[in-house]
């Protein structure tokens, strides 16, 4: 009886062992060959490869307007690929401000937004939103209390830099023109600072005289000014800010070349014509006597 029971137990163990081995084999997962075998979850964002980043800068911190007056907000940009595009400008409905402009031309580096306040625009600060793609900026616009004493038509003074980029040669000079317009053209200083290239400097002091609408910023480059470093000129006039890039070029050698008939190089030619005329006169005289 015990022998029979032992054989029965041994048979059950053998059956269980075979079943377990078979389950393990059927569960084996062989990885596929080739590229499909790669299971790394790391991903490469190819959309950013070779993409040129365009940087946008609002040139004013804030703007102050009288009722029924207008002002300008300048936005500059820098980058390799500058296409034609429009800035999106959003003004609060309650401000009764209207916006126009804000268009970048192809290869253009600056765009101007003109804001105009209505006669009944409520005084106080209003936030104007400027955006383009991922670029977003907020400019506070302060509308003054209704100045009906001046008819509410006083125009805020606006400023403009003629160029956003100028060229200067080693040992040479260059100028940047700054203009303004508005109702109150008083005497005003222009703050100019040069960064990025210590061999480029500002000559003299720049300031607007009373009722003067245009001034010139004078720049000078040393003869050893590096050509691989651009200078950045920062111009501040009250709340107005502007940035101008200055590129330095190599000084070209000047050749002092004179024409072949120049008296200084060919003095013998001075007497050629008179001598020919004298010879002709002698020949005519001989012919007449004969």
Foldseek 3Di string as FASTA:
>chain_A
DVVVVVVVVVVVVVVVVVVVVVVVVVPDDDADDDPSNDDDPDDDDPVPPPDKDKDKDWQFQAAEAEAQAKEKIKMFIDIDFAAWDAKDKDWDPLQQKDKDKRIAHGVRGMIMIMIGHHLPGDFDWTWMWIDDVPDIDIHIYGYHDHPCVVPRNWYDKYKDKPAQEDEAEAQGKDKIKMFIDTDFQAKFFKDKDKDWWPQKDWPDGWIAHGVRTMIMTMMGGHNPTDQVIWMWMWIDTPRGIGIHIYGYDYDDDDDPDDDPPPCVNCVVVVCPVVVVVVVVVVVVVVVVVD
